[in-house]
PDB file of all heavy atoms in Angstrom:
ATOM      1  N   ASN A   1       0.793  -1.186   0.079  1.00  0.00           N
ATOM      2  CA  ASN A   1      -0.012  -0.047  -0.055  1.00  0.00           C
ATOM      3  C   ASN A   1       0.898   1.235   0.036  1.00  0.00           C
ATOM      4  O   ASN A   1       0.437   2.316   0.400  1.00  0.00           O
ATOM      5  CB  ASN A   1      -0.878   0.023   1.157  1.00  0.00           C
ATOM      6  CG  ASN A   1      -0.195   0.062   2.543  1.00  0.00           C
ATOM      7  OD1 ASN A   1       1.027  -0.092   2.622  1.00  0.00           O
ATOM      8  ND2 ASN A   1      -0.931   0.363   3.689  1.00  0.00           N
ATOM      9  N   ASP A   2       2.083   1.127  -0.473  1.00  0.00           N
ATOM     10  CA  ASP A   2       3.011   2.192  -0.505  1.00  0.00           C
ATOM     11  C   ASP A   2       3.506   2.562  -1.929  1.00  0.00           C
ATOM     12  O   ASP A   2       4.658   3.132  -2.209  1.00  0.00           O
ATOM     13  CB  ASP A   2       4.251   1.970   0.370  1.00  0.00           C
ATOM     14  CG  ASP A   2       5.092   0.643  -0.073  1.00  0.00           C
ATOM     15  OD1 ASP A   2       4.459  -0.106  -0.889  1.00  0.00           O
ATOM     16  OD2 ASP A   2       6.139   0.348   0.402  1.00  0.00           O
ATOM     17  N   TYR A   3       2.658   2.301  -2.883  1.00  0.00           N
ATOM     18  CA  TYR A   3       2.941   2.612  -4.353  1.00  0.00           C
ATOM     19  C   TYR A   3       2.674   4.144  -4.504  1.00  0.00           C
ATOM     20  O   TYR A   3       1.852   4.815  -3.825  1.00  0.00           O
ATOM     21  CB  TYR A   3       2.147   1.761  -5.218  1.00  0.00           C
ATOM     22  CG  TYR A   3       2.517   0.366  -5.323  1.00  0.00           C
ATOM     23  CD1 TYR A   3       1.882  -0.639  -4.524  1.00  0.00           C
ATOM     24  CD2 TYR A   3       3.650  -0.054  -6.111  1.00  0.00           C
ATOM     25  CE1 TYR A   3       2.300  -1.986  -4.611  1.00  0.00           C
ATOM     26  CE2 TYR A   3       3.982  -1.419  -6.153  1.00  0.00           C
ATOM     27  CZ  TYR A   3       3.362  -2.305  -5.489  1.00  0.00           C
ATOM     28  OH  TYR A   3       3.694  -3.600  -5.481  1.00  0.00           O
ATOM     29  N   ASP A   4       3.364   4.600  -5.609  1.00  0.00           N
ATOM     30  CA  ASP A   4       3.057   5.972  -6.087  1.00  0.00           C
ATOM     31  C   ASP A   4       1.798   6.118  -6.798  1.00  0.00           C
ATOM     32  O   ASP A   4       1.735   6.353  -8.036  1.00  0.00           O
ATOM     33  CB  ASP A   4       4.324   6.454  -6.877  1.00  0.00           C
ATOM     34  CG  ASP A   4       4.112   7.947  -7.288  1.00  0.00           C
ATOM     35  OD1 ASP A   4       3.376   8.718  -6.644  1.00  0.00           O
ATOM     36  OD2 ASP A   4       4.793   8.283  -8.311  1.00  0.00           O
ATOM     37  N   THR A   5       0.649   6.035  -6.109  1.00  0.00           N
ATOM     38  CA  THR A   5      -0.778   6.061  -6.619  1.00  0.00           C
ATOM     39  C   THR A   5      -1.529   6.907  -5.562  1.00  0.00           C
ATOM     40  O   THR A   5      -1.086   7.166  -4.561  1.00  0.00           O
ATOM     41  CB  THR A   5      -1.385   4.654  -6.908  1.00  0.00           C
ATOM     42  OG1 THR A   5      -1.398   4.039  -5.506  1.00  0.00           O
ATOM     43  CG2 THR A   5      -0.436   3.892  -7.796  1.00  0.00           C
ATOM     44  N   PRO A   6      -2.705   7.419  -6.042  1.00  0.00           N
ATOM     45  CA  PRO A   6      -3.387   8.272  -5.101  1.00  0.00           C
ATOM     46  C   PRO A   6      -3.685   7.595  -3.693  1.00  0.00           C
ATOM     47  O   PRO A   6      -3.607   8.391  -2.732  1.00  0.00           O
ATOM     48  CB  PRO A   6      -4.681   8.583  -5.935  1.00  0.00           C
ATOM     49  CG  PRO A   6      -4.254   8.484  -7.375  1.00  0.00           C
ATOM     50  CD  PRO A   6      -3.256   7.443  -7.401  1.00  0.00           C
ATOM     51  N   ASP A   7      -4.094   6.331  -3.681  1.00  0.00           N
ATOM     52  CA  ASP A   7      -4.344   5.716  -2.402  1.00  0.00           C
ATOM     53  C   ASP A   7      -3.212   4.825  -1.923  1.00  0.00           C
ATOM     54  O   ASP A   7      -3.420   4.103  -0.883  1.00  0.00           O
ATOM     55  CB  ASP A   7      -5.724   5.045  -2.356  1.00  0.00           C
ATOM     56  CG  ASP A   7      -5.852   3.947  -3.400  1.00  0.00           C
ATOM     57  OD1 ASP A   7      -4.746   3.527  -3.932  1.00  0.00           O
ATOM     58  OD2 ASP A   7      -6.901   3.378  -3.375  1.00  0.00           O
ATOM     59  N   GLY A   8      -2.179   4.738  -2.745  1.00  0.00           N
ATOM     60  CA  GLY A   8      -1.080   3.895  -2.244  1.00  0.00           C
ATOM     61  C   GLY A   8      -1.154   2.372  -2.737  1.00  0.00           C
ATOM     62  O   GLY A   8      -0.137   1.708  -2.597  1.00  0.00           O
ATOM     63  N   TYR A   9      -2.251   2.098  -3.420  1.00  0.00           N
ATOM     64  CA  TYR A   9      -2.412   0.753  -3.880  1.00  0.00           C
ATOM     65  C   TYR A   9      -2.226   0.620  -5.380  1.00  0.00           C
ATOM     66  O   TYR A   9      -2.477   1.529  -6.165  1.00  0.00           O
ATOM     67  CB  TYR A   9      -3.831   0.153  -3.571  1.00  0.00           C
ATOM     68  CG  TYR A   9      -4.140   0.090  -2.155  1.00  0.00           C
ATOM     69  CD1 TYR A   9      -4.592   1.193  -1.328  1.00  0.00           C
ATOM     70  CD2 TYR A   9      -3.665  -1.043  -1.353  1.00  0.00           C
ATOM     71  CE1 TYR A   9      -4.862   1.125   0.056  1.00  0.00           C
ATOM     72  CE2 TYR A   9      -3.956  -1.096   0.114  1.00  0.00           C
ATOM     73  CZ  TYR A   9      -4.537  -0.082   0.794  1.00  0.00           C
ATOM     74  OH  TYR A   9      -4.727   0.044   2.122  1.00  0.00           O
ATOM     75  N   CYS A  10      -1.830  -0.498  -5.838  1.00  0.00           N
ATOM     76  CA  CYS A  10      -1.658  -0.803  -7.239  1.00  0.00           C
ATOM     77  C   CYS A  10      -3.012  -0.468  -7.991  1.00  0.00           C
ATOM     78  O   CYS A  10      -4.058  -0.625  -7.513  1.00  0.00           O
ATOM     79  CB  CYS A  10      -1.387  -2.212  -7.603  1.00  0.00           C
ATOM     80  SG  CYS A  10       0.266  -2.804  -7.202  1.00  0.00           S
ATOM     81  N   ILE A  11      -2.760  -0.068  -9.271  1.00  0.00           N
ATOM     82  CA  ILE A  11      -3.911   0.402 -10.116  1.00  0.00           C
ATOM     83  C   ILE A  11      -3.923  -0.567 -11.401  1.00  0.00           C
ATOM     84  O   ILE A  11      -2.840  -0.768 -11.977  1.00  0.00           O
ATOM     85  CB  ILE A  11      -3.746   1.784 -10.564  1.00  0.00           C
ATOM     86  CG1 ILE A  11      -4.011   2.746  -9.427  1.00  0.00           C
ATOM     87  CG2 ILE A  11      -4.776   2.098 -11.668  1.00  0.00           C
ATOM     88  CD1 ILE A  11      -3.768   4.199  -9.649  1.00  0.00           C
ATOM     89  N   ARG A  12      -5.025  -1.075 -11.702  1.00  0.00           N
ATOM     90  CA  ARG A  12      -5.244  -1.918 -12.856  1.00  0.00           C
ATOM     91  C   ARG A  12      -6.539  -1.427 -13.680  1.00  0.00           C
ATOM     92  O   ARG A  12      -7.256  -0.701 -13.197  1.00  0.00           O
ATOM     93  CB  ARG A  12      -5.408  -3.414 -12.473  1.00  0.00           C
ATOM     94  CG  ARG A  12      -4.283  -3.970 -11.684  1.00  0.00           C
ATOM     95  CD  ARG A  12      -3.050  -4.168 -12.648  1.00  0.00           C
ATOM     96  NE  ARG A  12      -1.890  -4.826 -11.958  1.00  0.00           N
ATOM     97  CZ  ARG A  12      -0.940  -4.244 -11.492  1.00  0.00           C
ATOM     98  NH1 ARG A  12      -0.925  -2.779 -11.576  1.00  0.00           N
ATOM     99  NH2 ARG A  12       0.049  -4.821 -10.949  1.00  0.00           N
ATOM    100  N   ASP A  13      -6.568  -2.071 -14.852  1.00  0.00           N
ATOM    101  CA  ASP A  13      -7.769  -1.786 -15.738  1.00  0.00           C
ATOM    102  C   ASP A  13      -8.549  -3.101 -15.847  1.00  0.00           C
ATOM    103  O   ASP A  13      -8.229  -4.052 -16.542  1.00  0.00           O
ATOM    104  CB  ASP A  13      -7.206  -1.392 -17.087  1.00  0.00           C
ATOM    105  CG  ASP A  13      -8.346  -0.927 -18.059  1.00  0.00           C
ATOM    106  OD1 ASP A  13      -9.530  -1.252 -17.785  1.00  0.00           O
ATOM    107  OD2 ASP A  13      -8.069  -0.367 -18.990  1.00  0.00           O
ATOM    108  N   TYR A  14      -9.657  -3.124 -14.988  1.00  0.00           N
ATOM    109  CA  TYR A  14     -10.422  -4.397 -14.923  1.00  0.00           C
ATOM    110  C   TYR A  14     -11.536  -4.298 -15.996  1.00  0.00           C
ATOM    111  O   TYR A  14     -12.355  -3.488 -15.936  1.00  0.00           O
ATOM    112  CB  TYR A  14     -11.072  -4.450 -13.562  1.00  0.00           C
ATOM    113  CG  TYR A  14     -10.026  -4.520 -12.398  1.00  0.00           C
ATOM    114  CD1 TYR A  14      -9.666  -3.545 -11.576  1.00  0.00           C
ATOM    115  CD2 TYR A  14      -9.345  -5.817 -12.219  1.00  0.00           C
ATOM    116  CE1 TYR A  14      -8.786  -3.674 -10.602  1.00  0.00           C
ATOM    117  CE2 TYR A  14      -8.357  -5.914 -11.181  1.00  0.00           C
ATOM    118  CZ  TYR A  14      -8.045  -4.821 -10.469  1.00  0.00           C
ATOM    119  OH  TYR A  14      -7.128  -4.945  -9.438  1.00  0.00           O
ATOM    120  N   LEU A  15     -11.595  -5.431 -16.790  1.00  0.00           N
ATOM    121  CA  LEU A  15     -12.712  -5.515 -17.805  1.00  0.00           C
ATOM    122  C   LEU A  15     -13.492  -6.866 -17.580  1.00  0.00           C
ATOM    123  O   LEU A  15     -12.839  -7.870 -17.230  1.00  0.00           O
ATOM    124  CB  LEU A  15     -12.202  -5.389 -19.233  1.00  0.00           C
ATOM    125  CG  LEU A  15     -11.406  -6.551 -19.864  1.00  0.00           C
ATOM    126  CD1 LEU A  15     -11.448  -6.426 -21.387  1.00  0.00           C
ATOM    127  CD2 LEU A  15      -9.916  -6.533 -19.352  1.00  0.00           C
ATOM    128  N   HIS A  16     -14.659  -6.843 -17.947  1.00  0.00           N
ATOM    129  CA  HIS A  16     -15.560  -8.047 -17.894  1.00  0.00           C
ATOM    130  C   HIS A  16     -15.099  -9.100 -18.776  1.00  0.00           C
ATOM    131  O   HIS A  16     -14.925  -8.694 -20.068  1.00  0.00           O
ATOM    132  CB  HIS A  16     -16.937  -7.646 -17.992  1.00  0.00           C
ATOM    133  CG  HIS A  16     -17.889  -8.684 -17.493  1.00  0.00           C
ATOM    134  ND1 HIS A  16     -18.058  -9.997 -18.093  1.00  0.00           N
ATOM    135  CD2 HIS A  16     -18.822  -8.752 -16.469  1.00  0.00           C
ATOM    136  CE1 HIS A  16     -18.968 -10.578 -17.491  1.00  0.00           C
ATOM    137  NE2 HIS A  16     -19.461  -9.862 -16.391  1.00  0.00           N
ATOM    138  N   VAL A  17     -15.039 -10.289 -18.381  1.00  0.00           N
ATOM    139  CA  VAL A  17     -14.507 -11.353 -19.185  1.00  0.00           C
ATOM    140  C   VAL A  17     -15.447 -11.641 -20.483  1.00  0.00           C
ATOM    141  O   VAL A  17     -14.830 -12.037 -21.447  1.00  0.00           O
ATOM    142  CB  VAL A  17     -14.392 -12.644 -18.371  1.00  0.00           C
ATOM    143  CG1 VAL A  17     -15.719 -13.246 -17.880  1.00  0.00           C
ATOM    144  CG2 VAL A  17     -13.741 -13.762 -19.179  1.00  0.00           C
ATOM    145  N   VAL A  18     -16.666 -11.409 -20.286  1.00  0.00           N
ATOM    146  CA  VAL A  18     -17.580 -11.517 -21.557  1.00  0.00           C
ATOM    147  C   VAL A  18     -17.313 -10.594 -22.555  1.00  0.00           C
ATOM    148  O   VAL A  18     -17.236 -10.819 -23.769  1.00  0.00           O
ATOM    149  CB  VAL A  18     -19.021 -11.573 -21.119  1.00  0.00           C
ATOM    150  CG1 VAL A  18     -20.029 -11.531 -22.343  1.00  0.00           C
ATOM    151  CG2 VAL A  18     -19.395 -12.771 -20.197  1.00  0.00           C
ATOM    152  N   ASP A  19     -17.005  -9.278 -22.196  1.00  0.00           N
ATOM    153  CA  ASP A  19     -16.549  -8.263 -23.078  1.00  0.00           C
ATOM    154  C   ASP A  19     -15.199  -8.628 -23.736  1.00  0.00           C
ATOM    155  O   ASP A  19     -15.054  -8.514 -24.983  1.00  0.00           O
ATOM    156  CB  ASP A  19     -16.279  -6.899 -22.352  1.00  0.00           C
ATOM    157  CG  ASP A  19     -17.669  -6.148 -21.958  1.00  0.00           C
ATOM    158  OD1 ASP A  19     -18.602  -6.538 -22.502  1.00  0.00           O
ATOM    159  OD2 ASP A  19     -17.603  -5.367 -20.936  1.00  0.00           O
ATOM    160  N   LEU A  20     -14.380  -9.223 -23.001  1.00  0.00           N
ATOM    161  CA  LEU A  20     -13.111  -9.740 -23.542  1.00  0.00           C
ATOM    162  C   LEU A  20     -13.333 -10.832 -24.537  1.00  0.00           C
ATOM    163  O   LEU A  20     -12.713 -10.857 -25.663  1.00  0.00           O
ATOM    164  CB  LEU A  20     -12.257 -10.145 -22.390  1.00  0.00           C
ATOM    165  CG  LEU A  20     -10.871 -10.741 -22.793  1.00  0.00           C
ATOM    166  CD1 LEU A  20      -9.965  -9.749 -23.494  1.00  0.00           C
ATOM    167  CD2 LEU A  20     -10.122 -11.292 -21.548  1.00  0.00           C
ATOM    168  N   ALA A  21     -14.141 -11.771 -24.221  1.00  0.00           N
ATOM    169  CA  ALA A  21     -14.443 -12.911 -25.034  1.00  0.00           C
ATOM    170  C   ALA A  21     -15.052 -12.428 -26.412  1.00  0.00           C
ATOM    171  O   ALA A  21     -14.651 -12.932 -27.412  1.00  0.00           O
ATOM    172  CB  ALA A  21     -15.482 -13.775 -24.429  1.00  0.00           C
ATOM    173  N   LYS A  22     -15.879 -11.477 -26.342  1.00  0.00           N
ATOM    174  CA  LYS A  22     -16.514 -10.906 -27.628  1.00  0.00           C
ATOM    175  C   LYS A  22     -15.433 -10.409 -28.453  1.00  0.00           C
ATOM    176  O   LYS A  22     -15.588 -10.387 -29.702  1.00  0.00           O
ATOM    177  CB  LYS A  22     -17.624  -9.975 -27.341  1.00  0.00           C
ATOM    178  CG  LYS A  22     -18.906 -10.677 -26.728  1.00  0.00           C
ATOM    179  CD  LYS A  22     -19.935  -9.608 -26.305  1.00  0.00           C
ATOM    180  CE  LYS A  22     -21.141 -10.345 -25.729  1.00  0.00           C
ATOM    181  NZ  LYS A  22     -22.189  -9.374 -25.377  1.00  0.00           N
ATOM    182  N   ALA A  23     -14.453  -9.812 -27.916  1.00  0.00           N
ATOM    183  CA  ALA A  23     -13.415  -9.158 -28.726  1.00  0.00           C
ATOM    184  C   ALA A  23     -12.637 -10.246 -29.660  1.00  0.00           C
ATOM    185  O   ALA A  23     -12.197  -9.958 -30.744  1.00  0.00           O
ATOM    186  CB  ALA A  23     -12.280  -8.507 -27.784  1.00  0.00           C
ATOM    187  N   HIS A  24     -12.613 -11.493 -29.075  1.00  0.00           N
ATOM    188  CA  HIS A  24     -12.001 -12.543 -29.827  1.00  0.00           C
ATOM    189  C   HIS A  24     -12.770 -12.962 -31.019  1.00  0.00           C
ATOM    190  O   HIS A  24     -12.231 -13.340 -32.157  1.00  0.00           O
ATOM    191  CB  HIS A  24     -11.668 -13.772 -28.985  1.00  0.00           C
ATOM    192  CG  HIS A  24     -10.684 -13.581 -27.954  1.00  0.00           C
ATOM    193  ND1 HIS A  24     -10.989 -12.855 -26.708  1.00  0.00           N
ATOM    194  CD2 HIS A  24      -9.440 -13.918 -27.900  1.00  0.00           C
ATOM    195  CE1 HIS A  24      -9.837 -12.791 -26.086  1.00  0.00           C
ATOM    196  NE2 HIS A  24      -8.958 -13.397 -26.684  1.00  0.00           N
ATOM    197  N   VAL A  25     -14.093 -12.885 -30.940  1.00  0.00           N
ATOM    198  CA  VAL A  25     -14.928 -13.152 -32.094  1.00  0.00           C
ATOM    199  C   VAL A  25     -14.776 -12.077 -33.087  1.00  0.00           C
ATOM    200  O   VAL A  25     -14.635 -12.369 -34.352  1.00  0.00           O
ATOM    201  CB  VAL A  25     -16.440 -13.163 -31.533  1.00  0.00           C
ATOM    202  CG1 VAL A  25     -17.322 -13.435 -32.864  1.00  0.00           C
ATOM    203  CG2 VAL A  25     -16.701 -14.370 -30.512  1.00  0.00           C
ATOM    204  N   VAL A  26     -14.649 -10.793 -32.607  1.00  0.00           N
ATOM    205  CA  VAL A  26     -14.482  -9.714 -33.632  1.00  0.00           C
ATOM    206  C   VAL A  26     -13.096  -9.897 -34.298  1.00  0.00           C
ATOM    207  O   VAL A  26     -13.011  -9.724 -35.575  1.00  0.00           O
ATOM    208  CB  VAL A  26     -14.506  -8.373 -32.838  1.00  0.00           C
ATOM    209  CG1 VAL A  26     -14.081  -7.285 -33.838  1.00  0.00           C
ATOM    210  CG2 VAL A  26     -15.855  -8.000 -32.221  1.00  0.00           C
ATOM    211  N   ALA A  27     -12.108 -10.348 -33.632  1.00  0.00           N
ATOM    212  CA  ALA A  27     -10.747 -10.469 -34.210  1.00  0.00           C
ATOM    213  C   ALA A  27     -10.797 -11.747 -35.248  1.00  0.00           C
ATOM    214  O   ALA A  27     -10.211 -11.629 -36.315  1.00  0.00           O
ATOM    215  CB  ALA A  27      -9.741 -10.861 -33.170  1.00  0.00           C
ATOM    216  N   VAL A  28     -11.542 -12.760 -34.933  1.00  0.00           N
ATOM    217  CA  VAL A  28     -11.630 -13.980 -35.857  1.00  0.00           C
ATOM    218  C   VAL A  28     -12.437 -13.456 -37.123  1.00  0.00           C
ATOM    219  O   VAL A  28     -11.918 -13.742 -38.181  1.00  0.00           O
ATOM    220  CB  VAL A  28     -12.396 -15.090 -35.198  1.00  0.00           C
ATOM    221  CG1 VAL A  28     -12.802 -16.122 -36.259  1.00  0.00           C
ATOM    222  CG2 VAL A  28     -11.392 -15.788 -34.183  1.00  0.00           C
ATOM    223  N   ASN A  29     -13.410 -12.713 -36.890  1.00  0.00           N
ATOM    224  CA  ASN A  29     -14.244 -12.252 -38.005  1.00  0.00           C
ATOM    225  C   ASN A  29     -13.275 -11.301 -38.864  1.00  0.00           C
ATOM    226  O   ASN A  29     -13.490 -11.388 -40.138  1.00  0.00           O
ATOM    227  CB  ASN A  29     -15.447 -11.399 -37.545  1.00  0.00           C
ATOM    228  CG  ASN A  29     -16.564 -12.309 -36.906  1.00  0.00           C
ATOM    229  OD1 ASN A  29     -16.488 -13.455 -37.162  1.00  0.00           O
ATOM    230  ND2 ASN A  29     -17.418 -11.585 -36.128  1.00  0.00           N
ATOM    231  N   ARG A  30     -12.481 -10.509 -38.259  1.00  0.00           N
ATOM    232  CA  ARG A  30     -11.717  -9.613 -39.016  1.00  0.00           C
ATOM    233  C   ARG A  30     -10.766 -10.403 -39.928  1.00  0.00           C
ATOM    234  O   ARG A  30     -10.479 -10.091 -41.094  1.00  0.00           O
ATOM    235  CB  ARG A  30     -10.990  -8.716 -38.060  1.00  0.00           C
ATOM    236  CG  ARG A  30     -10.032  -7.666 -38.758  1.00  0.00           C
ATOM    237  CD  ARG A  30      -9.403  -6.867 -37.604  1.00  0.00           C
ATOM    238  NE  ARG A  30      -8.395  -5.869 -38.017  1.00  0.00           N
ATOM    239  CZ  ARG A  30      -8.750  -4.677 -38.383  1.00  0.00           C
ATOM    240  NH1 ARG A  30      -9.925  -4.297 -38.534  1.00  0.00           N
ATOM    241  NH2 ARG A  30      -7.816  -3.740 -38.854  1.00  0.00           N
TER     242      ARG A  30
END
């Protein structure tokens, strides 16, 4: 909890797995 972030905790970009899964369909279609 001592990171150089506003609250000291690590920051990540969390996305829903179903949204991620749909991106693979888009990639295959492409």
